[in-house]
Amino acid sequence: MNKYRSIDLLLQYLARSIARGDIAVADRWLDDEQAIGFYKPAAPELSAYVSIHGQPPGQYDVDLEYPALDDNDVGNIPTKSENIGIEHLIDLLVMHFDLHDIAG
């Protein structure tokens, strides 16, 4: 994959979770240098799209998708965040995908 440095940084943070199969990289955005998608292999409807398109340097945009939930059903669940730093993005992805031990 040929990705911008900030997307590569995100992939480094998530490398262990990807290698374990906790999450997978979606094929849809493989050719987009400024975006990437992830999904939970056991529940592909649980996914996330991350982009740096139009974001300030070091900032990300994320859309979180939940299985079988309409916009009216998500309540207080965050589904979209813009202009967030890597730490906040990682926190959202860890919660969204129920990831453990991403750093080590």
N, C-alpha and C. Protein backbone atom coordinates (compact mmCIF):
# COMPACT_ATOMS: atom_id res chain seq x y z
N MET A 1 0.84 -1.19 0.00
CA MET A 1 0.00 0.00 0.00
C MET A 1 0.88 1.24 0.00
N ASN A 2 0.53 2.17 -0.83
CA ASN A 2 1.22 3.45 -0.87
C ASN A 2 0.34 4.49 -0.18
N LYS A 3 0.66 4.81 1.08
CA LYS A 3 -0.16 5.71 1.88
C LYS A 3 0.66 6.89 2.40
N TYR A 4 -0.03 8.00 2.65
CA TYR A 4 0.63 9.15 3.27
C TYR A 4 1.17 8.73 4.64
N ARG A 5 2.14 9.47 5.10
CA ARG A 5 2.83 9.14 6.35
C ARG A 5 1.87 9.02 7.53
N SER A 6 0.86 9.90 7.64
CA SER A 6 -0.05 9.84 8.78
C SER A 6 -0.93 8.58 8.73
N ILE A 7 -1.26 8.10 7.55
CA ILE A 7 -2.00 6.84 7.44
C ILE A 7 -1.07 5.67 7.78
N ASP A 8 0.18 5.73 7.34
CA ASP A 8 1.16 4.71 7.71
C ASP A 8 1.35 4.65 9.23
N LEU A 9 1.38 5.82 9.88
CA LEU A 9 1.51 5.87 11.33
C LEU A 9 0.34 5.14 11.99
N LEU A 10 -0.86 5.39 11.50
CA LEU A 10 -2.04 4.70 12.03
C LEU A 10 -1.89 3.19 11.85
N LEU A 11 -1.44 2.76 10.69
CA LEU A 11 -1.25 1.33 10.44
C LEU A 11 -0.21 0.73 11.40
N GLN A 12 0.82 1.49 11.74
CA GLN A 12 1.80 1.01 12.70
C GLN A 12 1.17 0.78 14.06
N TYR A 13 0.32 1.71 14.51
CA TYR A 13 -0.37 1.56 15.78
C TYR A 13 -1.26 0.31 15.79
N LEU A 14 -1.87 0.02 14.65
CA LEU A 14 -2.83 -1.08 14.57
C LEU A 14 -2.23 -2.38 14.04
N ALA A 15 -0.94 -2.39 13.79
CA ALA A 15 -0.29 -3.55 13.15
C ALA A 15 -0.53 -4.86 13.90
N ARG A 16 -0.42 -4.84 15.20
CA ARG A 16 -0.60 -6.08 15.98
C ARG A 16 -2.05 -6.57 15.87
N SER A 17 -3.01 -5.66 15.94
CA SER A 17 -4.42 -6.06 15.82
C SER A 17 -4.73 -6.59 14.44
N ILE A 18 -4.11 -6.01 13.42
CA ILE A 18 -4.30 -6.49 12.06
C ILE A 18 -3.66 -7.87 11.91
N ALA A 19 -2.44 -8.04 12.41
CA ALA A 19 -1.73 -9.33 12.30
C ALA A 19 -2.48 -10.44 13.03
N ARG A 20 -3.11 -10.12 14.15
CA ARG A 20 -3.88 -11.13 14.91
C ARG A 20 -5.22 -11.42 14.27
N GLY A 21 -5.65 -10.58 13.34
CA GLY A 21 -6.96 -10.78 12.71
C GLY A 21 -8.10 -10.15 13.48
N ASP A 22 -7.78 -9.31 14.47
CA ASP A 22 -8.83 -8.62 15.22
C ASP A 22 -9.57 -7.63 14.32
N ILE A 23 -8.83 -7.00 13.42
CA ILE A 23 -9.40 -6.12 12.40
C ILE A 23 -8.68 -6.41 11.08
N ALA A 24 -9.30 -5.99 9.99
CA ALA A 24 -8.70 -6.18 8.67
C ALA A 24 -8.81 -4.87 7.90
N VAL A 25 -7.91 -4.70 6.94
CA VAL A 25 -7.92 -3.52 6.07
C VAL A 25 -8.88 -3.80 4.92
N ALA A 26 -9.79 -2.87 4.70
CA ALA A 26 -10.77 -3.01 3.63
C ALA A 26 -10.12 -2.74 2.27
N ASP A 27 -10.48 -3.53 1.28
CA ASP A 27 -9.93 -3.38 -0.07
C ASP A 27 -10.36 -2.08 -0.74
N ARG A 28 -11.50 -1.58 -0.37
CA ARG A 28 -12.12 -0.44 -1.06
C ARG A 28 -11.21 0.78 -1.21
N TRP A 29 -10.39 1.07 -0.21
CA TRP A 29 -9.56 2.28 -0.24
C TRP A 29 -8.07 1.97 -0.39
N LEU A 30 -7.71 0.80 -0.87
CA LEU A 30 -6.30 0.45 -1.00
C LEU A 30 -5.55 1.41 -1.92
N ASP A 31 -6.19 1.91 -2.95
CA ASP A 31 -5.52 2.81 -3.90
C ASP A 31 -5.58 4.28 -3.50
N ASP A 32 -6.28 4.61 -2.43
CA ASP A 32 -6.40 5.99 -1.97
C ASP A 32 -5.26 6.26 -0.98
N GLU A 33 -4.33 7.12 -1.35
CA GLU A 33 -3.17 7.39 -0.51
C GLU A 33 -3.52 8.10 0.80
N GLN A 34 -4.70 8.74 0.85
CA GLN A 34 -5.07 9.55 2.01
C GLN A 34 -6.21 8.96 2.82
N ALA A 35 -6.54 7.72 2.58
CA ALA A 35 -7.65 7.10 3.31
C ALA A 35 -7.42 5.61 3.48
N ILE A 36 -8.12 5.05 4.46
CA ILE A 36 -8.04 3.62 4.71
C ILE A 36 -9.33 3.20 5.42
N GLY A 37 -9.70 1.97 5.21
CA GLY A 37 -10.87 1.42 5.89
C GLY A 37 -10.49 0.17 6.65
N PHE A 38 -11.22 -0.06 7.74
CA PHE A 38 -11.02 -1.24 8.56
C PHE A 38 -12.37 -1.90 8.82
N TYR A 39 -12.36 -3.20 9.08
CA TYR A 39 -13.57 -3.89 9.47
C TYR A 39 -13.22 -5.04 10.39
N LYS A 40 -14.21 -5.51 11.11
CA LYS A 40 -14.04 -6.64 12.01
C LYS A 40 -14.36 -7.91 11.22
N PRO A 41 -13.38 -8.79 10.99
CA PRO A 41 -13.63 -9.98 10.17
C PRO A 41 -14.82 -10.82 10.64
N ALA A 42 -15.03 -10.91 11.93
CA ALA A 42 -16.15 -11.70 12.45
C ALA A 42 -17.49 -11.00 12.27
N ALA A 43 -17.46 -9.69 12.03
CA ALA A 43 -18.68 -8.89 11.83
C ALA A 43 -18.36 -7.75 10.87
N PRO A 44 -18.27 -8.03 9.57
CA PRO A 44 -17.83 -7.03 8.59
C PRO A 44 -18.66 -5.74 8.57
N GLU A 45 -19.88 -5.79 9.09
CA GLU A 45 -20.69 -4.57 9.14
C GLU A 45 -20.12 -3.57 10.15
N LEU A 46 -19.31 -4.03 11.07
CA LEU A 46 -18.64 -3.16 12.03
C LEU A 46 -17.36 -2.68 11.35
N SER A 47 -17.38 -1.42 10.92
CA SER A 47 -16.26 -0.92 10.13
C SER A 47 -15.95 0.53 10.46
N ALA A 48 -14.85 1.01 9.92
CA ALA A 48 -14.44 2.40 10.11
C ALA A 48 -13.70 2.86 8.86
N TYR A 49 -13.94 4.10 8.50
CA TYR A 49 -13.26 4.74 7.38
C TYR A 49 -12.47 5.90 7.96
N VAL A 50 -11.18 5.95 7.68
CA VAL A 50 -10.30 7.01 8.19
C VAL A 50 -9.69 7.74 7.00
N SER A 51 -9.71 9.06 7.08
CA SER A 51 -9.21 9.87 5.98
C SER A 51 -8.43 11.07 6.51
N ILE A 52 -7.50 11.52 5.68
CA ILE A 52 -6.83 12.80 5.97
C ILE A 52 -7.16 13.83 4.91
N HIS A 53 -8.07 13.51 3.98
CA HIS A 53 -8.49 14.45 2.94
C HIS A 53 -9.01 15.73 3.59
N GLY A 54 -8.42 16.88 3.26
CA GLY A 54 -8.89 18.16 3.74
C GLY A 54 -8.66 18.43 5.22
N GLN A 55 -7.91 17.58 5.88
CA GLN A 55 -7.64 17.76 7.31
C GLN A 55 -6.32 18.51 7.48
N PRO A 56 -6.19 19.29 8.57
CA PRO A 56 -4.90 19.91 8.86
C PRO A 56 -3.84 18.83 9.10
N PRO A 57 -2.57 19.15 8.93
CA PRO A 57 -1.51 18.16 9.17
C PRO A 57 -1.64 17.51 10.55
N GLY A 58 -1.52 16.20 10.58
CA GLY A 58 -1.60 15.45 11.83
C GLY A 58 -3.01 15.21 12.34
N GLN A 59 -4.01 15.57 11.56
CA GLN A 59 -5.40 15.41 11.97
C GLN A 59 -6.09 14.41 11.05
N TYR A 60 -7.11 13.77 11.58
CA TYR A 60 -7.83 12.72 10.86
C TYR A 60 -9.33 12.98 10.91
N ASP A 61 -10.02 12.33 9.98
CA ASP A 61 -11.47 12.29 9.92
C ASP A 61 -11.83 10.81 10.00
N VAL A 62 -12.82 10.45 10.81
CA VAL A 62 -13.21 9.04 10.93
C VAL A 62 -14.73 8.91 10.88
N ASP A 63 -15.18 7.91 10.16
CA ASP A 63 -16.59 7.52 10.12
C ASP A 63 -16.68 6.10 10.66
N LEU A 64 -17.49 5.90 11.68
CA LEU A 64 -17.66 4.58 12.28
C LEU A 64 -19.00 4.01 11.85
N GLU A 65 -19.00 2.78 11.42
CA GLU A 65 -20.22 2.10 10.99
C GLU A 65 -20.53 0.97 11.96
N TYR A 66 -21.79 0.88 12.33
CA TYR A 66 -22.26 -0.15 13.25
C TYR A 66 -23.23 -1.07 12.54
N PRO A 67 -23.22 -2.36 12.86
CA PRO A 67 -24.14 -3.28 12.18
C PRO A 67 -25.59 -3.00 12.56
N ALA A 68 -26.44 -3.01 11.54
CA ALA A 68 -27.89 -2.95 11.70
C ALA A 68 -28.38 -1.76 12.52
N LEU A 69 -27.70 -0.64 12.43
CA LEU A 69 -28.17 0.56 13.12
C LEU A 69 -28.41 1.67 12.11
N ASP A 70 -29.58 2.26 12.18
CA ASP A 70 -29.87 3.44 11.38
C ASP A 70 -29.37 4.66 12.12
N ASP A 71 -29.29 5.80 11.43
CA ASP A 71 -28.86 7.04 12.08
C ASP A 71 -29.75 7.37 13.28
N ASN A 72 -31.00 7.01 13.21
CA ASN A 72 -31.93 7.30 14.31
C ASN A 72 -31.71 6.39 15.52
N ASP A 73 -31.02 5.28 15.33
CA ASP A 73 -30.85 4.30 16.40
C ASP A 73 -29.54 4.41 17.15
N VAL A 74 -28.64 5.29 16.73
CA VAL A 74 -27.31 5.29 17.34
C VAL A 74 -27.24 6.08 18.63
N GLY A 75 -28.23 6.88 18.93
CA GLY A 75 -28.25 7.61 20.20
C GLY A 75 -27.02 8.47 20.38
N ASN A 76 -26.30 8.24 21.46
CA ASN A 76 -25.10 9.03 21.77
C ASN A 76 -23.81 8.41 21.25
N ILE A 77 -23.92 7.38 20.44
CA ILE A 77 -22.74 6.73 19.90
C ILE A 77 -22.12 7.66 18.85
N PRO A 78 -20.82 8.01 18.99
CA PRO A 78 -20.20 8.85 17.96
C PRO A 78 -20.03 8.06 16.67
N THR A 79 -20.47 8.64 15.56
CA THR A 79 -20.32 7.96 14.28
C THR A 79 -19.37 8.69 13.35
N LYS A 80 -19.11 9.95 13.62
CA LYS A 80 -18.22 10.73 12.77
C LYS A 80 -17.47 11.75 13.62
N SER A 81 -16.18 11.85 13.39
CA SER A 81 -15.35 12.87 14.05
C SER A 81 -14.39 13.43 13.02
N GLU A 82 -14.19 14.73 13.08
CA GLU A 82 -13.27 15.41 12.18
C GLU A 82 -12.20 16.14 12.98
N ASN A 83 -11.08 16.39 12.32
CA ASN A 83 -9.98 17.15 12.92
C ASN A 83 -9.57 16.59 14.28
N ILE A 84 -9.35 15.29 14.33
CA ILE A 84 -8.91 14.67 15.58
C ILE A 84 -7.48 14.18 15.44
N GLY A 85 -6.76 14.20 16.54
CA GLY A 85 -5.39 13.73 16.57
C GLY A 85 -5.31 12.21 16.62
N ILE A 86 -4.11 11.70 16.45
CA ILE A 86 -3.89 10.26 16.40
C ILE A 86 -4.32 9.56 17.70
N GLU A 87 -4.07 10.18 18.85
CA GLU A 87 -4.42 9.56 20.13
C GLU A 87 -5.93 9.38 20.25
N HIS A 88 -6.69 10.42 19.90
CA HIS A 88 -8.15 10.33 19.95
C HIS A 88 -8.66 9.31 18.94
N LEU A 89 -8.08 9.31 17.76
CA LEU A 89 -8.46 8.35 16.73
C LEU A 89 -8.24 6.91 17.21
N ILE A 90 -7.09 6.65 17.78
CA ILE A 90 -6.78 5.31 18.29
C ILE A 90 -7.79 4.93 19.37
N ASP A 91 -8.09 5.87 20.29
CA ASP A 91 -9.08 5.58 21.34
C ASP A 91 -10.43 5.21 20.74
N LEU A 92 -10.87 5.95 19.73
CA LEU A 92 -12.16 5.63 19.08
C LEU A 92 -12.14 4.26 18.43
N LEU A 93 -11.05 3.95 17.73
CA LEU A 93 -10.95 2.65 17.06
C LEU A 93 -10.86 1.50 18.05
N VAL A 94 -10.14 1.70 19.14
CA VAL A 94 -10.03 0.66 20.18
C VAL A 94 -11.42 0.36 20.75
N MET A 95 -12.18 1.41 21.05
CA MET A 95 -13.54 1.20 21.58
C MET A 95 -14.44 0.60 20.52
N HIS A 96 -14.39 1.12 19.31
CA HIS A 96 -15.28 0.68 18.25
C HIS A 96 -15.10 -0.81 17.93
N PHE A 97 -13.85 -1.23 17.84
CA PHE A 97 -13.55 -2.62 17.47
C PHE A 97 -13.25 -3.51 18.67
N ASP A 98 -13.32 -2.96 19.88
CA ASP A 98 -13.03 -3.71 21.10
C ASP A 98 -11.65 -4.36 21.01
N LEU A 99 -10.66 -3.53 20.69
CA LEU A 99 -9.29 -4.00 20.54
C LEU A 99 -8.57 -4.00 21.88
N HIS A 100 -7.63 -4.89 22.00
CA HIS A 100 -6.83 -4.99 23.22
C HIS A 100 -5.37 -5.07 22.85
N ASP A 101 -4.53 -4.52 23.69
CA ASP A 101 -3.09 -4.68 23.54
C ASP A 101 -2.60 -4.22 22.16
N ILE A 102 -2.99 -2.99 21.74
CA ILE A 102 -2.56 -2.55 20.41
C ILE A 102 -1.10 -2.11 20.39
N ALA A 103 -0.56 -1.72 21.53
CA ALA A 103 0.81 -1.21 21.55
C ALA A 103 1.85 -2.30 21.71
N GLY A 104 1.51 -3.40 22.30
CA GLY A 104 2.55 -4.36 22.57
C GLY A 104 2.15 -5.71 22.33
